[in-house]
């Protein structure tokens, strides 16, 4: 998912640059905005994945600590 959003981000930003070069400022703005949104969604996805991995690690550590208390 993150890879797809990263590729989409770069494609949209390149398209925005081309649109700006061609003088289509409205299209460049829309494409640039969509590229920024795509980047934020990819970043959010990576953060959620990292957070869930950390929570899983903490749960495993908490479970193993309880086994050794007795």
C-alpha atoms as a PDB file:
ATOM      1  CA  UNK A   1       0.000   0.000   0.000  1.00  0.00           C
ATOM      2  CA  UNK A   2       2.753   2.447   0.926  1.00  0.00           C
ATOM      3  CA  UNK A   3       4.669   1.693  -2.268  1.00  0.00           C
ATOM      4  CA  UNK A   4       1.571   2.338  -4.375  1.00  0.00           C
ATOM      5  CA  UNK A   5       0.904   5.651  -2.669  1.00  0.00           C
ATOM      6  CA  UNK A   6       4.540   6.688  -3.073  1.00  0.00           C
ATOM      7  CA  UNK A   7       4.471   5.945  -6.797  1.00  0.00           C
ATOM      8  CA  UNK A   8       1.136   7.752  -7.120  1.00  0.00           C
ATOM      9  CA  UNK A   9       2.611  10.756  -5.298  1.00  0.00           C
ATOM     10  CA  UNK A  10       5.532  11.046  -7.694  1.00  0.00           C
ATOM     11  CA  UNK A  11       3.341  10.552 -10.762  1.00  0.00           C
ATOM     12  CA  UNK A  12       0.911  13.246  -9.621  1.00  0.00           C
ATOM     13  CA  UNK A  13       3.696  15.688  -8.804  1.00  0.00           C
ATOM     14  CA  UNK A  14       5.358  15.131 -12.177  1.00  0.00           C
ATOM     15  CA  UNK A  15       2.009  15.663 -13.864  1.00  0.00           C
ATOM     16  CA  UNK A  16       1.557  18.858 -11.841  1.00  0.00           C
ATOM     17  CA  UNK A  17       4.963  20.105 -12.967  1.00  0.00           C
ATOM     18  CA  UNK A  18       4.109  19.379 -16.595  1.00  0.00           C
ATOM     19  CA  UNK A  19       0.750  21.113 -16.253  1.00  0.00           C
ATOM     20  CA  UNK A  20       2.454  24.136 -14.715  1.00  0.00           C
ATOM     21  CA  UNK A  21       5.022  24.180 -17.507  1.00  0.00           C
ATOM     22  CA  UNK A  22       2.177  24.130 -20.040  1.00  0.00           C
ATOM     23  CA  UNK A  23       0.532  27.078 -18.300  1.00  0.00           C
ATOM     24  CA  UNK A  24      -2.411  25.165 -16.854  1.00  0.00           C
ATOM     25  CA  UNK A  25      -2.185  26.520 -13.319  1.00  0.00           C
ATOM     26  CA  UNK A  26      -5.591  25.211 -12.192  1.00  0.00           C
ATOM     27  CA  UNK A  27      -4.712  21.671 -13.221  1.00  0.00           C
ATOM     28  CA  UNK A  28      -1.264  21.998 -11.655  1.00  0.00           C
ATOM     29  CA  UNK A  29      -2.831  23.061  -8.371  1.00  0.00           C
ATOM     30  CA  UNK A  30      -5.300  20.162  -8.348  1.00  0.00           C
ATOM     31  CA  UNK A  31      -2.649  17.599  -9.285  1.00  0.00           C
ATOM     32  CA  UNK A  32      -0.203  18.988  -6.736  1.00  0.00           C
ATOM     33  CA  UNK A  33      -2.860  18.874  -4.035  1.00  0.00           C
ATOM     34  CA  UNK A  34      -3.741  15.281  -4.907  1.00  0.00           C
ATOM     35  CA  UNK A  35      -0.038  14.413  -4.788  1.00  0.00           C
ATOM     36  CA  UNK A  36       0.274  15.942  -1.325  1.00  0.00           C
ATOM     37  CA  UNK A  37      -2.803  14.064  -0.101  1.00  0.00           C
ATOM     38  CA  UNK A  38      -1.401  10.837  -1.498  1.00  0.00           C
ATOM     39  CA  UNK A  39       1.869  11.439   0.341  1.00  0.00           C
ATOM     40  CA  UNK A  40       0.058  12.100   3.629  1.00  0.00           C
ATOM     41  CA  UNK A  41      -2.024   8.939   3.245  1.00  0.00           C
ATOM     42  CA  UNK A  42       1.114   6.888   2.626  1.00  0.00           C
ATOM     43  CA  UNK A  43       2.797   8.437   5.638  1.00  0.00           C
ATOM     44  CA  UNK A  44      -0.272   7.742   7.777  1.00  0.00           C
ATOM     45  CA  UNK A  45      -0.333   4.142   6.593  1.00  0.00           C
ATOM     46  CA  UNK A  46       3.334   3.696   7.539  1.00  0.00           C
ATOM     47  CA  UNK A  47       2.725   5.207  10.978  1.00  0.00           C
ATOM     48  CA  UNK A  48      -0.247   2.925  11.617  1.00  0.00           C
ATOM     49  CA  UNK A  49       1.787  -0.102  10.590  1.00  0.00           C
ATOM     50  CA  UNK A  50       4.664   0.907  12.862  1.00  0.00           C
ATOM     51  CA  UNK A  51       2.284   1.588  15.753  1.00  0.00           C
ATOM     52  CA  UNK A  52       0.573  -1.790  15.425  1.00  0.00           C
ATOM     53  CA  UNK A  53       3.961  -3.538  15.296  1.00  0.00           C
ATOM     54  CA  UNK A  54       5.054  -1.743  18.464  1.00  0.00           C
ATOM     55  CA  UNK A  55       1.815  -2.650  20.230  1.00  0.00           C
ATOM     56  CA  UNK A  56       2.210  -6.294  19.220  1.00  0.00           C
ATOM     57  CA  UNK A  57       5.773  -6.293  20.530  1.00  0.00           C
ATOM     58  CA  UNK A  58       4.661  -4.747  23.816  1.00  0.00           C
ATOM     59  CA  UNK A  59       1.867  -7.305  24.186  1.00  0.00           C
ATOM     60  CA  UNK A  60       4.324 -10.148  23.590  1.00  0.00           C
ATOM     61  CA  UNK A  61       6.742  -8.699  26.127  1.00  0.00           C
ATOM     62  CA  UNK A  62       3.967  -8.250  28.694  1.00  0.00           C
ATOM     63  CA  UNK A  63       2.800 -11.839  28.209  1.00  0.00           C
ATOM     64  CA  UNK A  64       6.297 -13.246  28.572  1.00  0.00           C
ATOM     65  CA  UNK A  65       6.951 -11.167  31.715  1.00  0.00           C
ATOM     66  CA  UNK A  66       3.871 -12.641  33.385  1.00  0.00           C
ATOM     67  CA  UNK A  67       5.111 -16.176  32.725  1.00  0.00           C
ATOM     68  CA  UNK A  68       8.385 -15.534  34.538  1.00  0.00           C
ATOM     69  CA  UNK A  69       6.897 -13.876  37.650  1.00  0.00           C
ATOM     70  CA  UNK A  70       5.890 -17.151  39.340  1.00  0.00           C
END
